[in-house]
Amino acid sequence: MLTAVWMVLGALRIGGIVLLGIVGLLLLALFLVLLVPVRYRIQGSFYGEPKAQAGVSWLCHALSVKAVYENKLVVTARILGIRVFRMEKVFGKRAEEEGEKEDESAGKEPQAGKIGQEGNDPEVGRPGQREEEPGIGRPGSKAEESGIGRPGPKAEESGIGSLEQRAEDLEVGNLGQRAETSEVGKSGQRAEASEAGSPGQKGEDSEAKSAGEKPEDAEVLEQKANPAENRKFGRKRKNIFGKRKKREEGKKKQKTEGFSFGKICDKLKEIIQRLRDRLERIMESLHELEEKKDRLTAFLCNDANQATFRLLKRQIWALCRHVLPRKAAGRVRFGFADPFTTGQVLAYISPFYGLYARHVQVIPVFDEPVMEGEGMLKGRIRMGTVLLIGLRMLFDRNFRALLRKHLRA
């Protein structure tokens, strides 16, 4: 009995030790994450060409990420010194040059393959191969390619254009005749009819009719030869006459309607109504703005909200001080072709001398144009400090209430 109890107690002791070890490892990992800072370093220089280097590390470089830029960007990630990721990328003109080189190399390879295939092709150099090529030495090939003897589309287009011109000429002539007949009176028509009864003029009229009938016969033949085109021209004529009729009807309506005082009054009423609607909309928008202004002033003047704003301001300032670089160093040497410009730039940055004097060395050059320099930044971010700042804000009751309202909205 006692041995069984001792065995159970021994098993429980071993289990407790294992559990305590697991809990201790978890607590150790948690403390490492919260208390061990993530360190960063940024370094760059410019002496004719830009160069830069940036790195992030944690726990004595157990985890590290490094980026280097020298004519190309190289990013590497390491765990316990073993590289697990690498990426290279080229920017600007160098990327275009490398792309052109790749295209040239890809273009040369298939050409070399073609040359080798031609050398190994058994059909190359056979007699009669040139005679079998299409279009060489065959009678009528050029004529077929050039299209000689075929009614081409240009001829059809020229025929269509001539028929359209004839249709337009006929329409113009008909309109002119109508205008002349409307202007000439009945007395002139009777005199012309009496004079037209002489035998000499009858002969002339018969000759003119015979001369004028010939083109009409040619047009009739063309119309019989191309009925589809005549349909198209008939449609065009109908459209033209329809548009003219609509214009004439519109002019008649304008003349019949004339000036109406009622329409002017209706238009003025519509304009006044539109102005009223716009004024009402403007007044509504102004009322809404006033209401928003009142709500905002009440929100800002609230004592609890003001205390929350002060707390938020302190925590943001503490976060910025924690995240910003701890160490900074640099050197800048600049100058312009005109010494006056160099003096102006130096005068513009002189008010900030108290901020950069301890860390950055500024060297003006008045006798030559130059621009070069280098710089370095170091800092760290501790996750425990960031978490503490966030918890301070969450412990504020008013901040939690405002956060809930914002999330619900």
Protein backbone atom coordinates (compact mmCIF):
# COMPACT_ATOMS: atom_id res chain seq x y z
CA MET A 1 0.00 0.00 0.00
CA LEU A 2 2.70 2.45 0.94
CA THR A 3 4.70 1.55 -2.14
CA ALA A 4 1.71 2.31 -4.37
CA VAL A 5 1.24 5.67 -2.66
CA TRP A 6 4.91 6.49 -3.07
CA MET A 7 4.72 5.54 -6.78
CA VAL A 8 1.70 7.81 -7.31
CA LEU A 9 3.40 10.64 -5.49
CA GLY A 10 6.57 10.13 -7.54
CA ALA A 11 4.55 10.24 -10.79
CA LEU A 12 2.77 13.40 -9.65
CA ARG A 13 6.11 14.95 -8.72
CA ILE A 14 7.54 14.17 -12.16
CA GLY A 15 4.41 15.53 -13.84
CA GLY A 16 4.55 18.67 -11.71
CA ILE A 17 8.19 19.21 -12.59
CA VAL A 18 7.42 18.82 -16.31
CA LEU A 19 4.48 21.22 -16.08
CA LEU A 20 6.55 23.73 -14.15
CA GLY A 21 9.27 23.46 -16.78
CA ILE A 22 6.75 24.09 -19.58
CA VAL A 23 5.23 27.04 -17.71
CA GLY A 24 8.70 28.41 -17.03
CA LEU A 25 9.63 28.16 -20.72
CA LEU A 26 6.42 29.94 -21.70
CA LEU A 27 7.04 32.69 -19.16
CA LEU A 28 10.64 32.99 -20.35
CA ALA A 29 9.48 33.33 -23.97
CA LEU A 30 6.87 35.89 -22.92
CA PHE A 31 9.41 37.95 -21.01
CA LEU A 32 11.85 37.74 -23.90
CA VAL A 33 9.22 39.03 -26.31
CA LEU A 34 8.09 41.82 -23.99
CA LEU A 35 11.40 42.96 -22.55
CA VAL A 36 14.07 42.24 -25.20
CA PRO A 37 13.92 45.13 -27.66
CA VAL A 38 13.90 44.96 -31.43
CA ARG A 39 16.89 46.98 -32.60
CA TYR A 40 17.11 48.78 -35.94
CA ARG A 41 19.94 50.51 -37.76
CA ILE A 42 19.81 52.66 -40.91
CA GLN A 43 22.90 53.88 -42.71
CA GLY A 44 23.32 55.67 -46.05
CA SER A 45 25.74 57.74 -48.07
CA PHE A 46 25.88 59.69 -51.33
CA TYR A 47 29.18 60.27 -53.11
CA GLY A 48 28.16 60.37 -56.75
CA GLU A 49 26.00 57.24 -56.31
CA PRO A 50 23.46 56.47 -53.56
CA LYS A 51 24.19 53.61 -51.16
CA ALA A 52 22.03 52.49 -48.26
CA GLN A 53 21.83 49.75 -45.68
CA ALA A 54 19.12 48.88 -43.16
CA GLY A 55 18.82 46.08 -40.64
CA VAL A 56 16.48 44.80 -37.93
CA SER A 57 17.57 42.29 -35.28
CA TRP A 58 16.21 40.66 -32.14
CA LEU A 59 17.80 38.70 -29.32
CA CYS A 60 21.47 39.15 -30.24
CA HIS A 61 20.83 38.58 -33.96
CA ALA A 62 18.95 35.33 -33.36
CA LEU A 63 16.45 36.77 -35.84
CA SER A 64 17.71 39.35 -38.31
CA VAL A 65 16.61 40.97 -41.56
CA LYS A 66 19.02 43.02 -43.63
CA ALA A 67 18.53 45.13 -46.77
CA VAL A 68 21.43 46.54 -48.83
CA TYR A 69 21.17 48.85 -51.83
CA GLU A 70 24.20 49.25 -54.09
CA ASN A 71 23.05 49.50 -57.72
CA LYS A 72 20.44 46.87 -56.76
CA LEU A 73 18.37 45.93 -53.72
CA VAL A 74 19.29 42.73 -51.83
CA VAL A 75 17.12 41.56 -48.90
CA THR A 76 18.15 38.64 -46.70
CA ALA A 77 16.61 37.04 -43.60
CA ARG A 78 18.50 34.79 -41.14
CA ILE A 79 17.54 32.63 -38.17
CA LEU A 80 20.44 31.74 -35.84
CA GLY A 81 22.82 32.81 -38.59
CA ILE A 82 21.24 30.50 -41.22
CA ARG A 83 19.90 32.28 -44.29
CA VAL A 84 16.26 31.38 -44.93
CA PHE A 85 15.27 34.09 -47.45
CA ARG A 86 16.95 36.15 -50.16
CA MET A 87 15.57 38.57 -52.76
CA GLU A 88 17.23 40.75 -55.39
CA LYS A 89 15.61 43.57 -57.33
CA VAL A 90 17.01 46.11 -59.78
CA PHE A 91 15.53 49.60 -60.21
CA GLY A 92 15.65 52.33 -62.85
CA LYS A 93 17.89 52.28 -65.91
CA ARG A 94 19.83 49.23 -64.77
CA ALA A 95 16.64 47.16 -64.78
CA GLU A 96 15.93 48.29 -68.35
CA GLU A 97 19.49 47.47 -69.43
CA GLU A 98 19.32 44.01 -67.90
CA GLY A 99 15.94 43.42 -69.56
CA GLU A 100 17.38 44.42 -72.94
CA LYS A 101 20.34 42.06 -72.42
CA GLU A 102 17.97 39.21 -71.60
CA ASP A 103 15.88 39.97 -74.70
CA GLU A 104 19.00 40.00 -76.89
CA SER A 105 20.22 36.70 -75.48
CA ALA A 106 16.76 35.16 -75.91
CA GLY A 107 16.66 36.43 -79.52
CA LYS A 108 20.08 35.04 -80.40
CA GLU A 109 19.33 31.50 -79.19
CA PRO A 110 16.44 30.75 -81.61
CA GLN A 111 18.42 32.21 -84.54
CA ALA A 112 21.29 29.85 -83.83
CA GLY A 113 18.80 26.98 -83.68
CA LYS A 114 17.38 27.97 -87.07
CA ILE A 115 20.83 27.98 -88.65
CA GLY A 116 21.52 24.50 -87.31
CA GLN A 117 18.19 23.24 -88.62
CA GLU A 118 18.88 24.61 -92.08
CA GLY A 119 22.24 22.86 -92.14
CA ASN A 120 20.64 19.54 -91.17
CA ASP A 121 17.55 19.89 -93.40
CA PRO A 122 17.79 17.31 -96.23
CA GLU A 123 15.43 19.29 -98.46
CA VAL A 124 17.78 22.28 -98.70
CA GLY A 125 19.71 22.32 -101.96
CA ARG A 126 17.42 19.99 -103.95
CA PRO A 127 17.07 20.82 -107.63
CA GLY A 128 13.73 22.27 -108.60
CA GLN A 129 13.02 23.67 -105.19
CA ARG A 130 12.88 27.21 -106.49
CA GLU A 131 10.41 26.20 -109.20
CA GLU A 132 8.06 24.80 -106.54
CA GLU A 133 7.97 28.10 -104.63
CA PRO A 134 4.61 29.80 -105.04
CA GLY A 135 4.40 32.80 -107.33
CA ILE A 136 7.84 32.36 -109.00
CA GLY A 137 7.98 31.48 -112.67
CA ARG A 138 4.24 30.86 -112.99
CA PRO A 139 2.41 32.71 -115.73
CA GLY A 140 -0.32 34.94 -114.51
CA SER A 141 0.77 35.00 -110.90
CA LYS A 142 1.58 38.71 -110.98
CA ALA A 143 -1.63 39.45 -112.78
CA GLU A 144 -3.58 37.54 -110.15
CA GLU A 145 -1.78 39.31 -107.33
CA SER A 146 -2.23 42.75 -108.84
CA GLY A 147 -5.91 42.08 -109.54
CA ILE A 148 -5.83 42.90 -113.31
CA GLY A 149 -9.05 41.95 -115.09
CA ARG A 150 -11.18 41.99 -111.96
CA PRO A 151 -13.81 44.61 -111.21
CA GLY A 152 -12.27 46.06 -108.09
CA PRO A 153 -13.92 47.94 -105.24
CA LYS A 154 -12.57 51.26 -106.58
CA ALA A 155 -14.62 50.91 -109.76
CA GLU A 156 -17.74 50.11 -107.78
CA GLU A 157 -17.12 53.10 -105.50
CA SER A 158 -16.65 55.40 -108.54
CA GLY A 159 -19.97 54.17 -110.05
CA ILE A 160 -21.79 54.75 -106.78
CA GLY A 161 -20.30 58.25 -106.51
CA SER A 162 -21.41 59.17 -110.07
CA LEU A 163 -24.96 57.94 -109.41
CA GLU A 164 -25.11 59.95 -106.16
CA GLN A 165 -23.99 63.08 -108.01
CA ARG A 166 -26.66 62.54 -110.68
CA ALA A 167 -29.35 62.13 -108.03
CA GLU A 168 -28.27 65.36 -106.32
CA ASP A 169 -28.24 67.21 -109.68
CA LEU A 170 -31.78 66.01 -110.45
CA GLU A 171 -32.99 67.19 -107.01
CA VAL A 172 -31.41 70.62 -107.47
CA GLY A 173 -32.97 70.96 -110.94
CA ASN A 174 -36.42 70.04 -109.67
CA LEU A 175 -36.20 72.61 -106.87
CA GLY A 176 -35.07 75.32 -109.31
CA GLN A 177 -37.93 74.55 -111.67
CA ARG A 178 -40.45 74.74 -108.85
CA ALA A 179 -39.13 78.12 -107.75
CA GLU A 180 -39.27 79.48 -111.32
CA THR A 181 -42.79 78.23 -111.91
CA SER A 182 -44.01 79.78 -108.62
CA GLU A 183 -42.48 83.17 -109.47
CA VAL A 184 -43.70 83.38 -113.11
CA GLY A 185 -47.33 84.47 -113.46
CA LYS A 186 -50.14 82.98 -115.49
CA SER A 187 -49.88 85.74 -118.15
CA GLY A 188 -46.21 84.90 -118.84
CA GLN A 189 -47.05 81.22 -119.15
CA ARG A 190 -49.80 81.92 -121.74
CA ALA A 191 -47.45 84.11 -123.83
CA GLU A 192 -44.78 81.42 -123.81
CA ALA A 193 -47.40 78.82 -124.78
CA SER A 194 -48.59 80.94 -127.75
CA GLU A 195 -45.03 81.48 -128.94
CA ALA A 196 -44.25 77.80 -128.54
CA GLY A 197 -46.98 77.01 -131.18
CA SER A 198 -44.76 78.11 -134.13
CA PRO A 199 -43.46 75.31 -136.40
CA GLY A 200 -39.80 76.39 -136.10
CA GLN A 201 -39.76 76.05 -132.42
CA LYS A 202 -41.50 72.70 -132.58
CA GLY A 203 -38.56 71.36 -134.55
CA GLU A 204 -36.13 72.74 -132.04
CA ASP A 205 -38.14 71.22 -129.19
CA SER A 206 -38.21 67.88 -130.96
CA GLU A 207 -34.41 68.01 -131.40
CA ALA A 208 -33.90 69.00 -127.76
CA LYS A 209 -36.23 66.16 -126.69
CA SER A 210 -34.34 63.69 -128.84
CA ALA A 211 -31.01 64.98 -127.46
CA GLY A 212 -32.31 64.91 -123.88
CA GLU A 213 -33.88 61.49 -124.13
CA LYS A 214 -30.58 59.79 -124.76
CA PRO A 215 -29.04 60.40 -121.31
CA GLU A 216 -32.39 59.48 -119.77
CA ASP A 217 -32.25 56.17 -121.65
CA ALA A 218 -28.70 55.62 -120.39
CA GLU A 219 -29.83 56.34 -116.84
CA VAL A 220 -32.74 53.91 -117.23
CA LEU A 221 -30.33 51.21 -118.40
CA GLU A 222 -28.03 51.88 -115.46
CA GLN A 223 -30.99 51.71 -113.10
CA LYS A 224 -32.03 48.39 -114.56
CA ALA A 225 -28.46 47.11 -114.26
CA ASN A 226 -28.11 48.14 -110.57
CA PRO A 227 -31.51 47.88 -108.81
CA ALA A 228 -29.97 47.61 -105.29
CA GLU A 229 -28.11 50.90 -105.68
CA ASN A 230 -31.29 52.59 -106.99
CA ARG A 231 -33.10 51.50 -103.84
CA LYS A 232 -30.41 53.11 -101.72
CA PHE A 233 -30.68 56.36 -103.69
CA GLY A 234 -34.44 56.28 -103.35
CA ARG A 235 -34.09 56.01 -99.59
CA LYS A 236 -31.62 58.89 -99.53
CA ARG A 237 -34.03 61.05 -101.54
CA LYS A 238 -36.86 60.24 -99.16
CA ASN A 239 -34.70 61.15 -96.18
CA ILE A 240 -33.65 64.45 -97.78
CA PHE A 241 -37.21 65.43 -98.70
CA GLY A 242 -38.44 64.34 -95.25
CA LYS A 243 -35.90 66.60 -93.50
CA ARG A 244 -36.89 69.53 -95.72
CA LYS A 245 -40.57 68.98 -94.99
CA LYS A 246 -39.86 68.91 -91.25
CA ARG A 247 -37.95 72.19 -91.50
CA GLU A 248 -40.77 73.83 -93.43
CA GLU A 249 -43.34 72.56 -90.92
CA GLY A 250 -41.26 73.90 -88.03
CA LYS A 251 -41.02 77.32 -89.67
CA LYS A 252 -44.79 77.34 -90.27
CA LYS A 253 -45.45 76.47 -86.62
CA GLN A 254 -43.17 79.28 -85.45
CA LYS A 255 -45.00 81.72 -87.70
CA THR A 256 -48.43 80.54 -86.57
CA GLU A 257 -47.53 80.48 -82.87
CA GLY A 258 -45.80 83.87 -82.87
CA PHE A 259 -45.24 85.81 -79.65
CA SER A 260 -47.05 84.59 -76.51
CA PHE A 261 -46.89 86.45 -73.18
CA GLY A 262 -48.11 83.38 -71.27
CA LYS A 263 -45.08 81.30 -72.16
CA ILE A 264 -42.71 83.99 -70.91
CA CYS A 265 -44.61 84.10 -67.62
CA ASP A 266 -44.42 80.32 -67.27
CA LYS A 267 -40.66 80.37 -67.86
CA LEU A 268 -40.19 83.08 -65.27
CA LYS A 269 -42.22 81.05 -62.76
CA GLU A 270 -40.04 77.99 -63.40
CA ILE A 271 -36.85 80.01 -62.87
CA ILE A 272 -38.19 81.48 -59.62
CA GLN A 273 -39.19 78.02 -58.38
CA ARG A 274 -35.72 76.64 -59.12
CA LEU A 275 -34.13 79.51 -57.21
CA ARG A 276 -36.42 78.85 -54.25
CA ASP A 277 -35.49 75.15 -54.22
CA ARG A 278 -31.79 75.97 -54.29
CA LEU A 279 -32.15 78.46 -51.47
CA GLU A 280 -34.03 75.90 -49.38
CA ARG A 281 -31.26 73.31 -49.94
CA ILE A 282 -28.60 75.85 -48.97
CA MET A 283 -30.50 76.74 -45.80
CA GLU A 284 -30.87 73.05 -44.88
CA SER A 285 -27.15 72.45 -45.35
CA LEU A 286 -26.37 75.49 -43.18
CA HIS A 287 -28.66 74.20 -40.42
CA GLU A 288 -26.94 70.80 -40.56
CA LEU A 289 -23.54 72.47 -40.27
CA GLU A 290 -24.71 74.45 -37.26
CA GLU A 291 -25.96 71.28 -35.57
CA LYS A 292 -22.65 69.52 -36.22
CA LYS A 293 -20.78 72.50 -34.84
CA ASP A 294 -22.88 72.48 -31.66
CA ARG A 295 -22.32 68.75 -31.15
CA LEU A 296 -18.57 69.13 -31.70
CA THR A 297 -18.24 72.04 -29.27
CA ALA A 298 -20.23 70.12 -26.64
CA PHE A 299 -17.99 67.07 -27.15
CA LEU A 300 -14.79 69.09 -26.84
CA CYS A 301 -15.96 71.13 -23.82
CA ASN A 302 -16.86 68.03 -21.81
CA ASP A 303 -14.54 67.65 -18.79
CA ALA A 304 -14.22 63.86 -19.12
CA ASN A 305 -13.33 64.16 -22.79
CA GLN A 306 -10.72 66.81 -22.05
CA ALA A 307 -9.09 64.53 -19.46
CA THR A 308 -9.04 61.70 -22.01
CA PHE A 309 -7.45 63.99 -24.60
CA ARG A 310 -4.72 64.98 -22.15
CA LEU A 311 -3.99 61.34 -21.38
CA LEU A 312 -3.91 60.48 -25.07
CA LYS A 313 -1.51 63.33 -25.75
CA ARG A 314 0.88 62.14 -23.03
CA GLN A 315 0.84 58.55 -24.26
CA ILE A 316 1.42 59.54 -27.89
CA TRP A 317 4.39 61.68 -26.86
CA ALA A 318 5.80 58.80 -24.79
CA LEU A 319 5.39 56.41 -27.74
CA CYS A 320 7.18 58.81 -30.08
CA ARG A 321 10.09 59.23 -27.67
CA HIS A 322 10.39 55.47 -27.33
CA VAL A 323 10.26 54.71 -31.08
CA LEU A 324 12.45 57.55 -32.38
CA PRO A 325 16.21 56.86 -32.87
CA ARG A 326 18.45 56.97 -29.81
CA LYS A 327 21.62 57.73 -31.75
CA ALA A 328 22.11 59.80 -34.89
CA ALA A 329 25.20 60.97 -36.71
CA GLY A 330 25.79 62.53 -40.09
CA ARG A 331 27.84 64.77 -42.29
CA VAL A 332 26.60 66.96 -45.15
CA ARG A 333 28.77 68.93 -47.56
CA PHE A 334 26.88 71.12 -50.03
CA GLY A 335 27.50 74.01 -52.37
CA PHE A 336 25.97 75.68 -55.44
CA ALA A 337 27.37 77.44 -58.50
CA ASP A 338 26.16 80.77 -57.10
CA PRO A 339 27.58 81.55 -53.62
CA PHE A 340 24.51 83.65 -52.89
CA THR A 341 22.28 80.57 -53.17
CA THR A 342 24.56 78.66 -50.79
CA GLY A 343 24.29 81.48 -48.25
CA GLN A 344 20.50 81.53 -48.57
CA VAL A 345 20.22 77.78 -47.87
CA LEU A 346 22.53 78.13 -44.88
CA ALA A 347 20.36 80.98 -43.57
CA TYR A 348 17.18 78.88 -43.97
CA ILE A 349 18.54 75.95 -41.89
CA SER A 350 20.24 78.10 -39.25
CA PRO A 351 17.10 78.36 -37.00
CA PHE A 352 17.24 74.58 -36.52
CA TYR A 353 20.89 74.57 -35.50
CA GLY A 354 20.03 73.63 -31.92
CA LEU A 355 18.35 70.42 -33.10
CA TYR A 356 21.02 69.03 -35.42
CA ALA A 357 24.26 70.61 -34.11
CA ARG A 358 25.17 67.70 -31.79
CA HIS A 359 24.55 64.97 -34.34
CA VAL A 360 24.95 66.36 -37.88
CA GLN A 361 27.91 68.27 -39.27
CA VAL A 362 27.00 70.78 -42.02
CA ILE A 363 29.84 72.02 -44.26
CA PRO A 364 28.96 74.77 -46.79
CA VAL A 365 31.14 75.18 -49.89
CA PHE A 366 31.06 78.56 -51.67
CA ASP A 367 33.58 78.02 -54.49
CA GLU A 368 32.21 74.90 -56.24
CA PRO A 369 28.92 73.07 -56.75
CA VAL A 370 28.91 69.90 -54.67
CA MET A 371 26.42 67.67 -52.89
CA GLU A 372 27.56 64.71 -50.78
CA GLY A 373 27.07 63.30 -47.34
CA GLU A 374 26.43 60.30 -45.11
CA GLY A 375 24.30 59.48 -42.10
CA MET A 376 23.44 56.82 -39.55
CA LEU A 377 20.46 56.18 -37.22
CA LYS A 378 20.10 53.68 -34.38
CA GLY A 379 17.12 52.85 -32.22
CA ARG A 380 15.12 50.15 -30.46
CA ILE A 381 11.47 49.29 -29.86
CA ARG A 382 10.45 47.32 -26.80
CA MET A 383 7.11 45.53 -27.13
CA GLY A 384 6.47 45.72 -23.38
CA THR A 385 6.62 49.51 -23.43
CA VAL A 386 4.24 49.73 -26.40
CA LEU A 387 1.83 47.32 -24.68
CA LEU A 388 1.98 49.34 -21.44
CA ILE A 389 1.08 52.55 -23.30
CA GLY A 390 -1.90 50.81 -24.90
CA LEU A 391 -3.09 49.41 -21.55
CA ARG A 392 -2.95 52.85 -19.95
CA MET A 393 -5.38 54.09 -22.56
CA LEU A 394 -7.67 51.07 -22.22
CA PHE A 395 -7.88 51.49 -18.44
CA ASP A 396 -9.51 54.90 -18.93
CA ARG A 397 -13.30 54.46 -18.68
CA ASN A 398 -14.21 57.41 -20.88
CA PHE A 399 -11.82 56.22 -23.60
CA ARG A 400 -13.47 52.76 -23.58
CA ALA A 401 -16.92 54.38 -23.92
CA LEU A 402 -15.80 56.52 -26.85
CA LEU A 403 -14.17 53.51 -28.47
CA ARG A 404 -17.40 51.48 -28.18
CA LYS A 405 -19.42 54.31 -29.77
CA HIS A 406 -16.98 54.58 -32.62
CA LEU A 407 -17.02 50.82 -33.26
CA ARG A 408 -20.82 50.68 -33.20
CA ALA A 409 -21.07 53.60 -35.61
